[in-house]
Amino acid sequence: MYMQFEQKRGHVALGIECYMKQYGVSMEQVYNEFHNQTMQAWIDINQECLKPTIVPMPLLNRVLNLSRVMDIIYKEGDGYTHVGKVMKNNIGSLPIDSIV
């Protein structure tokens, strides 16, 4: 659904289409490859967050939280453009006031 919507808009080339053309693979193979790359990226992020660094942890937490939000919004399609019931429930479950 997401890919067809973006194709109709015609604004940008989709990463899926570019990957299919470049490597001559099917859409299913592209989805599998993108999924594997995403899983590996999360492993890398988690491992790096456990190591001591000169970057302050509060800054790293902001980057990590942005990554988490992007993962939730785009994991099952374009949840930003096509807000569904699941995304509305996710947003509704957020606390309005700070817990701390």
N, C-alpha and C. Protein backbone atom coordinates (compact mmCIF):
# COMPACT_ATOMS: atom_id res chain seq x y z
N MET A 1 0.82 -1.18 0.00
CA MET A 1 0.00 0.00 0.00
C MET A 1 0.88 1.26 0.00
N TYR A 2 1.84 1.31 0.89
CA TYR A 2 2.72 2.49 0.98
C TYR A 2 3.44 2.75 -0.33
N MET A 3 3.98 1.69 -0.91
CA MET A 3 4.77 1.86 -2.14
C MET A 3 3.88 2.36 -3.28
N GLN A 4 2.68 1.83 -3.40
CA GLN A 4 1.77 2.26 -4.46
C GLN A 4 1.39 3.73 -4.29
N PHE A 5 1.16 4.14 -3.04
CA PHE A 5 0.82 5.54 -2.76
C PHE A 5 1.96 6.46 -3.19
N GLU A 6 3.18 6.09 -2.84
CA GLU A 6 4.33 6.92 -3.19
C GLU A 6 4.55 6.95 -4.71
N GLN A 7 4.31 5.83 -5.38
CA GLN A 7 4.47 5.80 -6.83
C GLN A 7 3.48 6.75 -7.51
N LYS A 8 2.26 6.82 -6.98
CA LYS A 8 1.26 7.71 -7.55
C LYS A 8 1.66 9.16 -7.38
N ARG A 9 2.28 9.49 -6.24
CA ARG A 9 2.70 10.86 -5.99
C ARG A 9 3.84 11.26 -6.93
N GLY A 10 4.74 10.32 -7.22
CA GLY A 10 5.82 10.56 -8.16
C GLY A 10 6.85 11.58 -7.74
N HIS A 11 6.93 11.89 -6.45
CA HIS A 11 7.87 12.91 -5.99
C HIS A 11 9.31 12.43 -5.96
N VAL A 12 9.51 11.21 -5.48
CA VAL A 12 10.86 10.70 -5.30
C VAL A 12 10.94 9.25 -5.73
N ALA A 13 12.14 8.82 -6.05
CA ALA A 13 12.37 7.41 -6.32
C ALA A 13 12.37 6.68 -4.98
N LEU A 14 11.73 5.54 -4.93
CA LEU A 14 11.69 4.76 -3.70
C LEU A 14 12.95 3.93 -3.57
N GLY A 15 13.42 3.79 -2.33
CA GLY A 15 14.59 2.97 -2.07
C GLY A 15 14.39 1.54 -2.54
N ILE A 16 13.17 1.04 -2.41
CA ILE A 16 12.86 -0.33 -2.82
C ILE A 16 13.06 -0.47 -4.33
N GLU A 17 12.54 0.47 -5.08
CA GLU A 17 12.68 0.41 -6.54
C GLU A 17 14.14 0.51 -6.95
N CYS A 18 14.87 1.43 -6.33
CA CYS A 18 16.28 1.61 -6.67
C CYS A 18 17.07 0.33 -6.38
N TYR A 19 16.82 -0.28 -5.25
CA TYR A 19 17.52 -1.51 -4.87
C TYR A 19 17.19 -2.64 -5.84
N MET A 20 15.91 -2.74 -6.22
CA MET A 20 15.50 -3.78 -7.17
C MET A 20 16.23 -3.62 -8.50
N LYS A 21 16.30 -2.40 -8.99
CA LYS A 21 16.97 -2.14 -10.27
C LYS A 21 18.47 -2.38 -10.18
N GLN A 22 19.07 -1.91 -9.09
CA GLN A 22 20.52 -2.02 -8.96
C GLN A 22 20.98 -3.46 -8.83
N TYR A 23 20.24 -4.26 -8.06
CA TYR A 23 20.69 -5.63 -7.79
C TYR A 23 19.88 -6.70 -8.52
N GLY A 24 18.87 -6.31 -9.27
CA GLY A 24 18.08 -7.26 -10.04
C GLY A 24 17.37 -8.30 -9.17
N VAL A 25 16.76 -7.85 -8.09
CA VAL A 25 16.10 -8.77 -7.16
C VAL A 25 14.61 -8.43 -7.08
N SER A 26 13.86 -9.35 -6.49
CA SER A 26 12.42 -9.15 -6.35
C SER A 26 12.11 -8.24 -5.17
N MET A 27 10.87 -7.78 -5.11
CA MET A 27 10.45 -6.91 -4.02
C MET A 27 10.55 -7.65 -2.67
N GLU A 28 10.20 -8.91 -2.66
CA GLU A 28 10.29 -9.70 -1.42
C GLU A 28 11.74 -9.78 -0.93
N GLN A 29 12.67 -9.97 -1.85
CA GLN A 29 14.08 -10.02 -1.47
C GLN A 29 14.55 -8.68 -0.91
N VAL A 30 14.04 -7.60 -1.48
CA VAL A 30 14.41 -6.26 -0.99
C VAL A 30 13.87 -6.08 0.43
N TYR A 31 12.62 -6.45 0.66
CA TYR A 31 12.05 -6.32 2.00
C TYR A 31 12.85 -7.14 3.00
N ASN A 32 13.23 -8.36 2.62
CA ASN A 32 14.03 -9.19 3.51
C ASN A 32 15.39 -8.55 3.80
N GLU A 33 16.02 -8.01 2.77
CA GLU A 33 17.32 -7.37 2.96
C GLU A 33 17.19 -6.13 3.84
N PHE A 34 16.18 -5.30 3.59
CA PHE A 34 15.98 -4.11 4.41
C PHE A 34 15.69 -4.49 5.86
N HIS A 35 14.91 -5.54 6.06
CA HIS A 35 14.62 -6.01 7.41
C HIS A 35 15.91 -6.45 8.10
N ASN A 36 16.74 -7.22 7.39
CA ASN A 36 18.01 -7.67 7.96
C ASN A 36 18.92 -6.49 8.30
N GLN A 37 18.98 -5.49 7.43
CA GLN A 37 19.80 -4.32 7.69
C GLN A 37 19.28 -3.54 8.91
N THR A 38 17.96 -3.46 9.03
CA THR A 38 17.37 -2.77 10.18
C THR A 38 17.69 -3.50 11.47
N MET A 39 17.57 -4.83 11.46
CA MET A 39 17.87 -5.62 12.66
C MET A 39 19.35 -5.46 13.05
N GLN A 40 20.23 -5.47 12.06
CA GLN A 40 21.65 -5.30 12.34
C GLN A 40 21.94 -3.91 12.88
N ALA A 41 21.24 -2.90 12.37
CA ALA A 41 21.43 -1.54 12.87
C ALA A 41 21.03 -1.44 14.33
N TRP A 42 19.93 -2.10 14.72
CA TRP A 42 19.52 -2.08 16.13
C TRP A 42 20.55 -2.79 17.01
N ILE A 43 21.10 -3.86 16.52
CA ILE A 43 22.16 -4.55 17.28
C ILE A 43 23.35 -3.62 17.47
N ASP A 44 23.76 -2.95 16.40
CA ASP A 44 24.89 -2.00 16.48
C ASP A 44 24.59 -0.87 17.46
N ILE A 45 23.39 -0.30 17.36
CA ILE A 45 23.01 0.81 18.25
C ILE A 45 23.05 0.36 19.70
N ASN A 46 22.46 -0.78 19.99
CA ASN A 46 22.43 -1.27 21.37
C ASN A 46 23.83 -1.56 21.90
N GLN A 47 24.68 -2.15 21.08
CA GLN A 47 26.04 -2.44 21.52
C GLN A 47 26.82 -1.14 21.77
N GLU A 48 26.66 -0.18 20.91
CA GLU A 48 27.39 1.09 21.06
C GLU A 48 26.91 1.88 22.27
N CYS A 49 25.63 1.77 22.60
CA CYS A 49 25.11 2.49 23.77
C CYS A 49 25.64 1.90 25.08
N LEU A 50 26.13 0.69 25.05
CA LEU A 50 26.67 0.06 26.25
C LEU A 50 28.13 0.41 26.50
N LYS A 51 28.79 0.98 25.50
CA LYS A 51 30.21 1.31 25.62
C LYS A 51 30.40 2.72 26.18
N PRO A 52 31.45 2.91 26.98
CA PRO A 52 31.74 4.27 27.44
C PRO A 52 32.12 5.16 26.24
N THR A 53 31.72 6.41 26.30
CA THR A 53 32.00 7.34 25.21
C THR A 53 32.16 8.76 25.77
N ILE A 54 32.78 9.62 25.00
CA ILE A 54 32.93 11.02 25.44
C ILE A 54 31.63 11.80 25.21
N VAL A 55 30.74 11.25 24.40
CA VAL A 55 29.45 11.91 24.14
C VAL A 55 28.56 11.70 25.37
N PRO A 56 27.98 12.76 25.89
CA PRO A 56 27.13 12.63 27.08
C PRO A 56 25.93 11.71 26.82
N MET A 57 25.63 10.86 27.79
CA MET A 57 24.54 9.90 27.64
C MET A 57 23.19 10.58 27.39
N PRO A 58 22.88 11.74 28.00
CA PRO A 58 21.60 12.39 27.67
C PRO A 58 21.46 12.71 26.18
N LEU A 59 22.55 13.07 25.53
CA LEU A 59 22.50 13.33 24.09
C LEU A 59 22.28 12.02 23.32
N LEU A 60 22.99 10.97 23.72
CA LEU A 60 22.79 9.68 23.07
C LEU A 60 21.37 9.17 23.25
N ASN A 61 20.79 9.42 24.41
CA ASN A 61 19.41 8.99 24.66
C ASN A 61 18.44 9.69 23.71
N ARG A 62 18.69 10.94 23.41
CA ARG A 62 17.82 11.66 22.47
C ARG A 62 17.89 11.05 21.07
N VAL A 63 19.08 10.73 20.64
CA VAL A 63 19.26 10.09 19.33
C VAL A 63 18.60 8.71 19.33
N LEU A 64 18.79 7.96 20.40
CA LEU A 64 18.19 6.63 20.51
C LEU A 64 16.67 6.73 20.51
N ASN A 65 16.12 7.68 21.24
CA ASN A 65 14.66 7.83 21.28
C ASN A 65 14.10 8.24 19.92
N LEU A 66 14.81 9.09 19.18
CA LEU A 66 14.37 9.45 17.84
C LEU A 66 14.37 8.20 16.94
N SER A 67 15.39 7.37 17.07
CA SER A 67 15.45 6.13 16.30
C SER A 67 14.29 5.21 16.64
N ARG A 68 13.95 5.14 17.91
CA ARG A 68 12.81 4.31 18.34
C ARG A 68 11.51 4.81 17.74
N VAL A 69 11.32 6.12 17.76
CA VAL A 69 10.10 6.70 17.21
C VAL A 69 10.00 6.41 15.72
N MET A 70 11.11 6.61 15.00
CA MET A 70 11.10 6.35 13.55
C MET A 70 10.80 4.88 13.26
N ASP A 71 11.34 3.99 14.08
CA ASP A 71 11.09 2.57 13.90
C ASP A 71 9.61 2.26 14.08
N ILE A 72 8.99 2.83 15.09
CA ILE A 72 7.57 2.59 15.34
C ILE A 72 6.71 3.17 14.22
N ILE A 73 7.03 4.36 13.79
CA ILE A 73 6.21 5.03 12.78
C ILE A 73 6.28 4.31 11.43
N TYR A 74 7.48 3.86 11.04
CA TYR A 74 7.65 3.34 9.68
C TYR A 74 7.83 1.82 9.59
N LYS A 75 7.75 1.11 10.69
CA LYS A 75 7.98 -0.35 10.65
C LYS A 75 6.96 -1.07 9.78
N GLU A 76 5.72 -0.71 9.89
CA GLU A 76 4.65 -1.40 9.15
C GLU A 76 4.08 -0.52 8.05
N GLY A 77 4.91 0.25 7.39
CA GLY A 77 4.43 1.15 6.35
C GLY A 77 4.66 2.58 6.77
N ASP A 78 3.96 3.49 6.16
CA ASP A 78 4.11 4.92 6.45
C ASP A 78 3.06 5.35 7.46
N GLY A 79 3.37 5.18 8.73
CA GLY A 79 2.45 5.55 9.79
C GLY A 79 2.34 7.04 10.00
N TYR A 80 3.21 7.81 9.37
CA TYR A 80 3.15 9.27 9.48
C TYR A 80 2.13 9.83 8.50
N THR A 81 2.19 9.38 7.26
CA THR A 81 1.26 9.87 6.24
C THR A 81 -0.11 9.22 6.40
N HIS A 82 -0.12 7.92 6.72
CA HIS A 82 -1.37 7.17 6.85
C HIS A 82 -1.53 6.73 8.30
N VAL A 83 -1.99 7.65 9.12
CA VAL A 83 -2.13 7.35 10.54
C VAL A 83 -3.33 6.43 10.72
N GLY A 84 -3.06 5.26 11.31
CA GLY A 84 -4.13 4.30 11.56
C GLY A 84 -4.42 4.17 13.03
N LYS A 85 -5.24 3.19 13.35
CA LYS A 85 -5.68 2.98 14.72
C LYS A 85 -4.50 2.67 15.65
N VAL A 86 -3.57 1.86 15.18
CA VAL A 86 -2.42 1.48 16.00
C VAL A 86 -1.60 2.71 16.36
N MET A 87 -1.32 3.57 15.38
CA MET A 87 -0.52 4.77 15.66
C MET A 87 -1.27 5.72 16.58
N LYS A 88 -2.57 5.86 16.40
CA LYS A 88 -3.36 6.72 17.28
C LYS A 88 -3.30 6.19 18.71
N ASN A 89 -3.38 4.87 18.87
CA ASN A 89 -3.29 4.27 20.20
C ASN A 89 -1.90 4.49 20.79
N ASN A 90 -0.85 4.37 19.97
CA ASN A 90 0.51 4.63 20.45
C ASN A 90 0.65 6.05 20.97
N ILE A 91 0.15 7.01 20.22
CA ILE A 91 0.24 8.40 20.62
C ILE A 91 -0.61 8.66 21.85
N GLY A 92 -1.80 8.07 21.88
CA GLY A 92 -2.70 8.25 23.02
C GLY A 92 -2.15 7.65 24.31
N SER A 93 -1.26 6.69 24.20
CA SER A 93 -0.72 6.07 25.39
C SER A 93 0.43 6.85 26.02
N LEU A 94 0.89 7.89 25.35
CA LEU A 94 1.98 8.70 25.87
C LEU A 94 1.48 9.58 27.02
N PRO A 95 2.29 9.72 28.05
CA PRO A 95 1.88 10.60 29.14
C PRO A 95 1.90 12.07 28.69
N ILE A 96 0.91 12.81 29.15
CA ILE A 96 0.83 14.21 28.78
C ILE A 96 1.81 15.03 29.62
N ASP A 97 1.89 14.74 30.91
CA ASP A 97 2.81 15.44 31.79
C ASP A 97 4.00 14.56 32.09
N SER A 98 5.10 15.19 32.39
CA SER A 98 6.32 14.46 32.71
C SER A 98 6.12 13.60 33.96
N ILE A 99 6.63 12.39 33.93
CA ILE A 99 6.51 11.46 35.05
C ILE A 99 7.48 11.86 36.15
N VAL A 100 8.62 12.39 35.79
CA VAL A 100 9.65 12.72 36.76
C VAL A 100 9.34 13.96 37.53
